[in-house]
Amino acid sequence: MRRVVLAFASTVAGVLALLSFKTHTASVAAPPAAVSTVGPGTSSASSGSDSAASSSAPSASPSSSASAASSASSASGTKTVTGDSVSTQWGNVQVQITVTNGKITSATAVEYPQNNGRDQQINAYAIPVLQQESVGATSANIDMVSGATVTSGGYVQSLQSALDKAGL
């Protein structure tokens, strides 16, 4: 009987120790700054919110980027195209690409979820990885980012839309 009581007390103490354990919380990073080339010698930059506590973050609207996205330079074979805005569980995702000679030379997420600290934290690492995966690609068949499955799915759909609009 003594062993049972001792085992029970040890189990309760162990469970309490596990429940009181504090995990490391990562600081919320600001969303990555996105710079894209709109035309020869012209660039536009968009940056996320500077404050991690801010609940609203700026994002490019499809109408404001549509006119710049449809610009193309026929002399160099370069096109800048914005894909459709894809609605996901956590917010809209929209991709703008620059295509030169059939290859993506620049990819920028002009709209992505930034509504709370968790969205900002996830997308601070996911968006640059997705953009890097897109550059040099000739299709939307890119690797998705683990931990950012929803954003990755929306990114791939918008990327495919942009590629379709670019004629690839």
N, C-alpha and C. Protein backbone atom coordinates (compact mmCIF):
# COMPACT_ATOMS: atom_id res chain seq x y z
N MET A 1 0.82 -1.19 0.00
CA MET A 1 0.00 0.00 0.00
C MET A 1 0.86 1.25 0.00
N ARG A 2 1.98 1.15 0.70
CA ARG A 2 2.88 2.29 0.79
C ARG A 2 3.46 2.65 -0.59
N ARG A 3 3.77 1.63 -1.38
CA ARG A 3 4.30 1.85 -2.73
C ARG A 3 3.27 2.52 -3.64
N VAL A 4 2.03 2.15 -3.51
CA VAL A 4 0.97 2.73 -4.33
C VAL A 4 0.83 4.20 -4.02
N VAL A 5 0.82 4.57 -2.76
CA VAL A 5 0.70 5.97 -2.36
C VAL A 5 1.91 6.76 -2.86
N LEU A 6 3.08 6.19 -2.72
CA LEU A 6 4.31 6.86 -3.17
C LEU A 6 4.31 7.02 -4.70
N ALA A 7 3.88 6.02 -5.43
CA ALA A 7 3.81 6.10 -6.89
C ALA A 7 2.79 7.15 -7.32
N PHE A 8 1.65 7.19 -6.65
CA PHE A 8 0.62 8.16 -6.97
C PHE A 8 1.11 9.59 -6.70
N ALA A 9 1.75 9.80 -5.58
CA ALA A 9 2.27 11.13 -5.23
C ALA A 9 3.34 11.57 -6.23
N SER A 10 4.19 10.65 -6.65
CA SER A 10 5.23 10.95 -7.63
C SER A 10 4.62 11.32 -8.98
N THR A 11 3.59 10.60 -9.37
CA THR A 11 2.91 10.88 -10.64
C THR A 11 2.26 12.26 -10.62
N VAL A 12 1.60 12.59 -9.53
CA VAL A 12 0.95 13.90 -9.40
C VAL A 12 2.00 15.01 -9.43
N ALA A 13 3.11 14.82 -8.73
CA ALA A 13 4.17 15.82 -8.73
C ALA A 13 4.76 15.99 -10.14
N GLY A 14 4.94 14.92 -10.86
CA GLY A 14 5.47 14.98 -12.23
C GLY A 14 4.52 15.70 -13.17
N VAL A 15 3.23 15.41 -13.07
CA VAL A 15 2.24 16.06 -13.92
C VAL A 15 2.19 17.56 -13.61
N LEU A 16 2.21 17.92 -12.34
CA LEU A 16 2.21 19.34 -11.97
C LEU A 16 3.45 20.06 -12.50
N ALA A 17 4.59 19.39 -12.45
CA ALA A 17 5.82 19.99 -12.96
C ALA A 17 5.71 20.21 -14.48
N LEU A 18 5.14 19.27 -15.20
CA LEU A 18 4.97 19.41 -16.65
C LEU A 18 3.98 20.53 -16.98
N LEU A 19 2.91 20.63 -16.23
CA LEU A 19 1.91 21.66 -16.50
C LEU A 19 2.42 23.06 -16.20
N SER A 20 3.34 23.18 -15.26
CA SER A 20 3.85 24.51 -14.92
C SER A 20 5.03 24.93 -15.78
N PHE A 21 5.49 24.05 -16.68
CA PHE A 21 6.62 24.35 -17.54
C PHE A 21 6.24 25.41 -18.56
N LYS A 22 7.01 26.48 -18.65
CA LYS A 22 6.77 27.55 -19.61
C LYS A 22 7.61 27.31 -20.85
N THR A 23 6.95 27.30 -22.01
CA THR A 23 7.69 27.12 -23.25
C THR A 23 8.22 28.47 -23.70
N HIS A 24 9.24 28.43 -24.52
CA HIS A 24 9.85 29.65 -25.05
C HIS A 24 8.89 30.28 -26.05
N THR A 25 8.64 31.56 -25.92
CA THR A 25 7.82 32.27 -26.89
C THR A 25 8.72 33.14 -27.73
N ALA A 26 8.64 32.96 -29.03
CA ALA A 26 9.47 33.74 -29.95
C ALA A 26 8.90 35.14 -30.05
N SER A 27 9.79 36.11 -30.22
CA SER A 27 9.33 37.48 -30.41
C SER A 27 8.70 37.59 -31.79
N VAL A 28 7.71 38.43 -31.90
CA VAL A 28 7.01 38.61 -33.17
C VAL A 28 7.83 39.51 -34.06
N ALA A 29 8.20 38.98 -35.20
CA ALA A 29 9.00 39.75 -36.16
C ALA A 29 8.07 40.50 -37.09
N ALA A 30 8.52 41.63 -37.55
CA ALA A 30 7.75 42.40 -38.52
C ALA A 30 7.72 41.64 -39.83
N PRO A 31 6.62 41.74 -40.58
CA PRO A 31 6.56 41.06 -41.88
C PRO A 31 7.67 41.55 -42.79
N PRO A 32 8.11 40.69 -43.69
CA PRO A 32 9.22 41.07 -44.56
C PRO A 32 8.83 42.21 -45.49
N ALA A 33 9.81 43.05 -45.76
CA ALA A 33 9.59 44.12 -46.74
C ALA A 33 9.62 43.49 -48.12
N ALA A 34 8.72 43.89 -48.96
CA ALA A 34 8.65 43.33 -50.29
C ALA A 34 8.98 44.41 -51.30
N VAL A 35 9.96 44.15 -52.14
CA VAL A 35 10.33 45.10 -53.18
C VAL A 35 10.16 44.39 -54.50
N SER A 36 9.47 45.03 -55.41
CA SER A 36 9.28 44.41 -56.72
C SER A 36 9.54 45.46 -57.79
N THR A 37 10.03 44.99 -58.91
CA THR A 37 10.27 45.88 -60.04
C THR A 37 8.99 45.96 -60.85
N VAL A 38 8.51 47.18 -61.07
CA VAL A 38 7.28 47.38 -61.82
C VAL A 38 7.58 47.60 -63.28
N GLY A 39 8.62 48.28 -63.58
CA GLY A 39 9.01 48.51 -64.96
C GLY A 39 10.49 48.83 -64.99
N PRO A 40 11.04 49.11 -66.16
CA PRO A 40 12.47 49.40 -66.24
C PRO A 40 12.81 50.64 -65.43
N GLY A 41 13.71 50.49 -64.48
CA GLY A 41 14.19 51.61 -63.68
C GLY A 41 13.22 52.07 -62.62
N THR A 42 12.11 51.39 -62.43
CA THR A 42 11.12 51.79 -61.45
C THR A 42 10.94 50.67 -60.45
N SER A 43 10.85 51.02 -59.19
CA SER A 43 10.56 49.98 -58.20
C SER A 43 9.56 50.50 -57.21
N SER A 44 8.84 49.58 -56.62
CA SER A 44 7.89 49.95 -55.58
C SER A 44 8.18 49.08 -54.39
N ALA A 45 7.99 49.61 -53.20
CA ALA A 45 8.25 48.85 -51.99
C ALA A 45 7.01 48.88 -51.12
N SER A 46 6.75 47.77 -50.48
CA SER A 46 5.69 47.74 -49.50
C SER A 46 6.24 47.06 -48.28
N SER A 47 5.86 47.54 -47.15
CA SER A 47 6.39 47.01 -45.91
C SER A 47 5.23 46.77 -44.99
N GLY A 48 5.35 45.79 -44.13
CA GLY A 48 4.30 45.49 -43.17
C GLY A 48 4.31 46.48 -42.03
N SER A 49 3.52 46.21 -41.05
CA SER A 49 3.39 47.09 -39.90
C SER A 49 4.67 47.09 -39.08
N ASP A 50 5.08 48.27 -38.59
CA ASP A 50 6.28 48.35 -37.76
C ASP A 50 6.00 47.95 -36.33
N SER A 51 4.78 47.93 -35.93
CA SER A 51 4.43 47.62 -34.56
C SER A 51 3.86 46.22 -34.49
N ALA A 52 4.42 45.41 -33.62
CA ALA A 52 3.93 44.04 -33.49
C ALA A 52 2.57 44.02 -32.81
N ALA A 53 2.25 45.04 -32.04
CA ALA A 53 0.98 45.08 -31.34
C ALA A 53 -0.15 45.55 -32.22
N SER A 54 0.14 46.09 -33.36
CA SER A 54 -0.89 46.60 -34.25
C SER A 54 -1.72 45.45 -34.79
N SER A 55 -3.02 45.61 -34.74
CA SER A 55 -3.87 44.53 -35.22
C SER A 55 -4.22 44.69 -36.68
N SER A 56 -4.01 45.86 -37.23
CA SER A 56 -4.27 46.03 -38.65
C SER A 56 -2.97 46.38 -39.34
N ALA A 57 -2.76 45.70 -40.46
CA ALA A 57 -1.53 45.92 -41.21
C ALA A 57 -1.89 46.29 -42.64
N PRO A 58 -1.09 47.13 -43.27
CA PRO A 58 -1.40 47.53 -44.63
C PRO A 58 -1.15 46.40 -45.61
N SER A 59 -1.96 46.36 -46.63
CA SER A 59 -1.72 45.40 -47.70
C SER A 59 -2.15 46.05 -49.00
N ALA A 60 -1.52 45.62 -50.06
CA ALA A 60 -1.84 46.20 -51.36
C ALA A 60 -3.19 45.68 -51.81
N SER A 61 -3.98 46.53 -52.36
CA SER A 61 -5.28 46.10 -52.87
C SER A 61 -5.11 45.67 -54.31
N PRO A 62 -5.95 44.72 -54.76
CA PRO A 62 -5.83 44.25 -56.13
C PRO A 62 -6.00 45.37 -57.14
N SER A 63 -6.87 46.34 -56.87
CA SER A 63 -7.10 47.40 -57.84
C SER A 63 -5.91 48.35 -57.95
N SER A 64 -5.20 48.58 -56.84
CA SER A 64 -4.08 49.51 -56.91
C SER A 64 -2.87 48.91 -57.59
N SER A 65 -2.73 47.59 -57.55
CA SER A 65 -1.57 46.98 -58.17
C SER A 65 -1.88 46.45 -59.56
N ALA A 66 -3.14 46.44 -59.94
CA ALA A 66 -3.51 45.86 -61.23
C ALA A 66 -2.95 46.67 -62.39
N SER A 67 -3.01 48.00 -62.30
CA SER A 67 -2.51 48.79 -63.43
C SER A 67 -1.00 48.68 -63.56
N ALA A 68 -0.30 48.66 -62.44
CA ALA A 68 1.16 48.50 -62.49
C ALA A 68 1.53 47.09 -62.91
N ALA A 69 0.70 46.12 -62.54
CA ALA A 69 1.01 44.74 -62.84
C ALA A 69 0.86 44.43 -64.32
N SER A 70 0.04 45.18 -65.01
CA SER A 70 -0.17 44.87 -66.41
C SER A 70 0.86 45.52 -67.32
N SER A 71 1.79 46.26 -66.73
CA SER A 71 2.82 46.88 -67.56
C SER A 71 3.80 45.82 -68.04
N ALA A 72 4.28 46.00 -69.26
CA ALA A 72 5.23 45.05 -69.82
C ALA A 72 6.19 45.80 -70.73
N SER A 73 7.40 45.31 -70.75
CA SER A 73 8.41 45.89 -71.62
C SER A 73 8.69 44.89 -72.73
N SER A 74 8.23 45.18 -73.93
CA SER A 74 8.38 44.23 -75.02
C SER A 74 9.81 44.17 -75.53
N ALA A 75 10.59 45.22 -75.31
CA ALA A 75 11.97 45.24 -75.80
C ALA A 75 12.82 44.19 -75.10
N SER A 76 12.61 44.01 -73.80
CA SER A 76 13.44 43.05 -73.07
C SER A 76 12.73 41.73 -72.82
N GLY A 77 11.47 41.59 -73.21
CA GLY A 77 10.73 40.36 -72.98
C GLY A 77 10.35 40.20 -71.52
N THR A 78 10.20 41.31 -70.81
CA THR A 78 9.89 41.27 -69.39
C THR A 78 8.44 41.68 -69.16
N LYS A 79 7.73 40.89 -68.35
CA LYS A 79 6.35 41.19 -67.98
C LYS A 79 6.24 41.15 -66.47
N THR A 80 5.44 42.06 -65.92
CA THR A 80 5.10 42.03 -64.50
C THR A 80 3.61 41.79 -64.41
N VAL A 81 3.23 40.71 -63.73
CA VAL A 81 1.84 40.28 -63.68
C VAL A 81 1.45 40.00 -62.23
N THR A 82 0.23 40.39 -61.87
CA THR A 82 -0.29 40.10 -60.54
C THR A 82 -1.34 39.01 -60.65
N GLY A 83 -1.19 37.97 -59.84
CA GLY A 83 -2.14 36.87 -59.83
C GLY A 83 -3.42 37.26 -59.10
N ASP A 84 -4.41 36.40 -59.16
CA ASP A 84 -5.66 36.63 -58.47
C ASP A 84 -5.44 36.61 -56.96
N SER A 85 -6.26 37.35 -56.24
CA SER A 85 -6.24 37.32 -54.79
C SER A 85 -6.98 36.06 -54.36
N VAL A 86 -6.30 35.19 -53.63
CA VAL A 86 -6.88 33.91 -53.21
C VAL A 86 -7.30 34.02 -51.75
N SER A 87 -8.56 33.73 -51.49
CA SER A 87 -9.08 33.78 -50.13
C SER A 87 -8.73 32.48 -49.41
N THR A 88 -8.07 32.61 -48.25
CA THR A 88 -7.73 31.44 -47.45
C THR A 88 -8.42 31.55 -46.08
N GLN A 89 -8.26 30.55 -45.29
CA GLN A 89 -8.84 30.50 -43.95
C GLN A 89 -8.38 31.68 -43.10
N TRP A 90 -7.15 32.15 -43.28
CA TRP A 90 -6.58 33.20 -42.43
C TRP A 90 -6.52 34.56 -43.10
N GLY A 91 -6.86 34.65 -44.37
CA GLY A 91 -6.83 35.93 -45.09
C GLY A 91 -6.46 35.72 -46.54
N ASN A 92 -6.49 36.80 -47.29
CA ASN A 92 -6.18 36.74 -48.73
C ASN A 92 -4.68 36.66 -48.98
N VAL A 93 -4.33 35.98 -50.06
CA VAL A 93 -2.94 35.89 -50.51
C VAL A 93 -2.92 36.26 -51.99
N GLN A 94 -1.99 37.14 -52.35
CA GLN A 94 -1.87 37.56 -53.75
C GLN A 94 -0.39 37.72 -54.09
N VAL A 95 -0.02 37.23 -55.26
CA VAL A 95 1.38 37.21 -55.69
C VAL A 95 1.55 38.04 -56.96
N GLN A 96 2.65 38.78 -57.02
CA GLN A 96 3.02 39.52 -58.23
C GLN A 96 4.36 38.97 -58.69
N ILE A 97 4.46 38.67 -59.98
CA ILE A 97 5.70 38.11 -60.52
C ILE A 97 6.20 38.96 -61.68
N THR A 98 7.50 38.91 -61.89
CA THR A 98 8.12 39.48 -63.08
C THR A 98 8.72 38.31 -63.84
N VAL A 99 8.36 38.22 -65.10
CA VAL A 99 8.81 37.11 -65.95
C VAL A 99 9.70 37.67 -67.05
N THR A 100 10.88 37.09 -67.19
CA THR A 100 11.80 37.46 -68.25
C THR A 100 12.19 36.18 -69.00
N ASN A 101 11.96 36.18 -70.29
CA ASN A 101 12.31 35.04 -71.15
C ASN A 101 11.76 33.72 -70.61
N GLY A 102 10.52 33.73 -70.14
CA GLY A 102 9.85 32.51 -69.71
C GLY A 102 10.19 32.04 -68.31
N LYS A 103 11.00 32.79 -67.56
CA LYS A 103 11.35 32.40 -66.19
C LYS A 103 10.97 33.51 -65.22
N ILE A 104 10.57 33.13 -64.03
CA ILE A 104 10.24 34.11 -63.00
C ILE A 104 11.54 34.70 -62.47
N THR A 105 11.68 36.01 -62.60
CA THR A 105 12.89 36.68 -62.11
C THR A 105 12.64 37.41 -60.80
N SER A 106 11.38 37.65 -60.47
CA SER A 106 11.03 38.29 -59.22
C SER A 106 9.64 37.84 -58.82
N ALA A 107 9.47 37.53 -57.54
CA ALA A 107 8.16 37.15 -57.01
C ALA A 107 7.95 37.89 -55.69
N THR A 108 6.79 38.51 -55.57
CA THR A 108 6.49 39.29 -54.38
C THR A 108 5.08 38.99 -53.92
N ALA A 109 4.92 38.71 -52.65
CA ALA A 109 3.59 38.56 -52.07
C ALA A 109 3.08 39.97 -51.75
N VAL A 110 2.13 40.46 -52.52
CA VAL A 110 1.63 41.81 -52.30
C VAL A 110 0.51 41.84 -51.27
N GLU A 111 -0.06 40.68 -50.98
CA GLU A 111 -1.10 40.57 -49.97
C GLU A 111 -0.97 39.21 -49.30
N TYR A 112 -0.98 39.20 -47.99
CA TYR A 112 -0.93 37.96 -47.23
C TYR A 112 -1.43 38.23 -45.82
N PRO A 113 -1.83 37.19 -45.08
CA PRO A 113 -2.40 37.40 -43.74
C PRO A 113 -1.42 38.09 -42.79
N GLN A 114 -1.86 39.18 -42.18
CA GLN A 114 -1.04 39.93 -41.22
C GLN A 114 -1.91 40.44 -40.06
N ASN A 115 -3.04 39.78 -39.83
CA ASN A 115 -4.04 40.30 -38.91
C ASN A 115 -3.68 40.19 -37.44
N ASN A 116 -2.79 39.29 -37.08
CA ASN A 116 -2.42 39.15 -35.68
C ASN A 116 -0.95 38.75 -35.58
N GLY A 117 -0.46 38.70 -34.38
CA GLY A 117 0.94 38.39 -34.15
C GLY A 117 1.35 37.03 -34.67
N ARG A 118 0.47 36.05 -34.57
CA ARG A 118 0.79 34.71 -35.05
C ARG A 118 0.93 34.70 -36.57
N ASP A 119 -0.01 35.38 -37.27
CA ASP A 119 0.11 35.49 -38.73
C ASP A 119 1.41 36.16 -39.11
N GLN A 120 1.76 37.23 -38.43
CA GLN A 120 2.99 37.95 -38.72
C GLN A 120 4.21 37.08 -38.48
N GLN A 121 4.18 36.31 -37.40
CA GLN A 121 5.31 35.44 -37.07
C GLN A 121 5.49 34.35 -38.12
N ILE A 122 4.40 33.71 -38.50
CA ILE A 122 4.48 32.63 -39.49
C ILE A 122 4.92 33.17 -40.84
N ASN A 123 4.30 34.25 -41.27
CA ASN A 123 4.59 34.77 -42.61
C ASN A 123 5.92 35.49 -42.70
N ALA A 124 6.49 35.88 -41.57
CA ALA A 124 7.82 36.50 -41.59
C ALA A 124 8.87 35.52 -42.10
N TYR A 125 8.67 34.24 -41.86
CA TYR A 125 9.62 33.27 -42.40
C TYR A 125 9.07 32.57 -43.64
N ALA A 126 7.76 32.42 -43.77
CA ALA A 126 7.20 31.67 -44.89
C ALA A 126 7.24 32.43 -46.21
N ILE A 127 6.90 33.71 -46.19
CA ILE A 127 6.82 34.49 -47.43
C ILE A 127 8.18 34.57 -48.13
N PRO A 128 9.28 34.89 -47.43
CA PRO A 128 10.58 34.91 -48.13
C PRO A 128 10.96 33.56 -48.73
N VAL A 129 10.62 32.48 -48.04
CA VAL A 129 10.94 31.14 -48.57
C VAL A 129 10.13 30.88 -49.84
N LEU A 130 8.85 31.20 -49.81
CA LEU A 130 8.00 30.99 -50.99
C LEU A 130 8.46 31.85 -52.16
N GLN A 131 8.84 33.10 -51.88
CA GLN A 131 9.33 33.98 -52.94
C GLN A 131 10.62 33.43 -53.54
N GLN A 132 11.51 32.93 -52.69
CA GLN A 132 12.77 32.37 -53.17
C GLN A 132 12.52 31.12 -54.00
N GLU A 133 11.57 30.29 -53.59
CA GLU A 133 11.23 29.08 -54.34
C GLU A 133 10.69 29.44 -55.73
N SER A 134 9.98 30.56 -55.82
CA SER A 134 9.34 30.96 -57.07
C SER A 134 10.33 31.47 -58.10
N VAL A 135 11.37 32.19 -57.65
CA VAL A 135 12.34 32.78 -58.57
C VAL A 135 13.09 31.67 -59.31
N GLY A 136 13.09 31.76 -60.61
CA GLY A 136 13.75 30.76 -61.44
C GLY A 136 12.82 29.64 -61.86
N ALA A 137 11.65 29.55 -61.26
CA ALA A 137 10.70 28.50 -61.59
C ALA A 137 9.98 28.83 -62.90
N THR A 138 9.50 27.80 -63.55
CA THR A 138 8.71 28.00 -64.77
C THR A 138 7.28 27.51 -64.56
N SER A 139 6.98 27.07 -63.34
CA SER A 139 5.63 26.62 -63.02
C SER A 139 5.35 26.92 -61.55
N ALA A 140 4.12 26.66 -61.13
CA ALA A 140 3.74 26.88 -59.73
C ALA A 140 4.03 25.65 -58.88
N ASN A 141 4.76 24.71 -59.43
CA ASN A 141 5.11 23.49 -58.70
C ASN A 141 6.33 23.77 -57.83
N ILE A 142 6.09 24.45 -56.69
CA ILE A 142 7.16 24.81 -55.76
C ILE A 142 6.90 24.14 -54.43
N ASP A 143 7.95 24.06 -53.60
CA ASP A 143 7.80 23.47 -52.27
C ASP A 143 6.99 24.38 -51.37
N MET A 144 6.12 23.78 -50.57
CA MET A 144 5.34 24.54 -49.61
C MET A 144 6.14 24.63 -48.31
N VAL A 145 5.77 25.58 -47.45
CA VAL A 145 6.48 25.79 -46.19
C VAL A 145 5.74 25.08 -45.07
N SER A 146 6.43 24.19 -44.37
CA SER A 146 5.85 23.49 -43.25
C SER A 146 5.51 24.49 -42.14
N GLY A 147 4.33 24.39 -41.60
CA GLY A 147 3.89 25.32 -40.57
C GLY A 147 3.12 26.49 -41.13
N ALA A 148 3.16 26.65 -42.45
CA ALA A 148 2.42 27.73 -43.11
C ALA A 148 1.66 27.14 -44.29
N THR A 149 0.99 26.05 -44.05
CA THR A 149 0.33 25.30 -45.11
C THR A 149 -0.76 26.12 -45.79
N VAL A 150 -1.55 26.84 -45.01
CA VAL A 150 -2.66 27.60 -45.59
C VAL A 150 -2.13 28.74 -46.46
N THR A 151 -1.17 29.49 -45.94
CA THR A 151 -0.58 30.58 -46.71
C THR A 151 0.12 30.03 -47.95
N SER A 152 0.84 28.92 -47.81
CA SER A 152 1.54 28.31 -48.94
C SER A 152 0.57 27.90 -50.04
N GLY A 153 -0.56 27.32 -49.65
CA GLY A 153 -1.56 26.91 -50.62
C GLY A 153 -2.12 28.09 -51.39
N GLY A 154 -2.43 29.16 -50.67
CA GLY A 154 -2.93 30.38 -51.31
C GLY A 154 -1.89 31.00 -52.22
N TYR A 155 -0.63 30.98 -51.78
CA TYR A 155 0.48 31.53 -52.56
C TYR A 155 0.62 30.77 -53.89
N VAL A 156 0.57 29.45 -53.81
CA VAL A 156 0.73 28.61 -55.01
C VAL A 156 -0.43 28.86 -55.98
N GLN A 157 -1.65 29.00 -55.46
CA GLN A 157 -2.81 29.26 -56.33
C GLN A 157 -2.68 30.62 -57.02
N SER A 158 -2.28 31.64 -56.26
CA SER A 158 -2.12 32.96 -56.85
C SER A 158 -0.95 32.97 -57.84
N LEU A 159 0.12 32.25 -57.53
CA LEU A 159 1.26 32.14 -58.44
C LEU A 159 0.83 31.49 -59.75
N GLN A 160 0.02 30.44 -59.67
CA GLN A 160 -0.46 29.78 -60.89
C GLN A 160 -1.32 30.74 -61.71
N SER A 161 -2.13 31.53 -61.04
CA SER A 161 -2.96 32.53 -61.73
C SER A 161 -2.09 33.55 -62.45
N ALA A 162 -1.03 34.01 -61.79
CA ALA A 162 -0.11 34.98 -62.41
C ALA A 162 0.60 34.35 -63.61
N LEU A 163 1.02 33.10 -63.47
CA LEU A 163 1.67 32.42 -64.59
C LEU A 163 0.72 32.26 -65.77
N ASP A 164 -0.56 31.97 -65.48
CA ASP A 164 -1.55 31.86 -66.55
C ASP A 164 -1.72 33.21 -67.26
N LYS A 165 -1.77 34.29 -66.49
CA LYS A 165 -1.93 35.61 -67.08
C LYS A 165 -0.70 36.00 -67.90
N ALA A 166 0.49 35.51 -67.49
CA ALA A 166 1.72 35.80 -68.21
C ALA A 166 1.88 34.92 -69.45
N GLY A 167 1.00 33.93 -69.59
CA GLY A 167 1.05 33.05 -70.76
C GLY A 167 2.04 31.92 -70.62
N LEU A 168 2.36 31.53 -69.40
CA LEU A 168 3.30 30.41 -69.19
C LEU A 168 2.58 29.15 -68.77
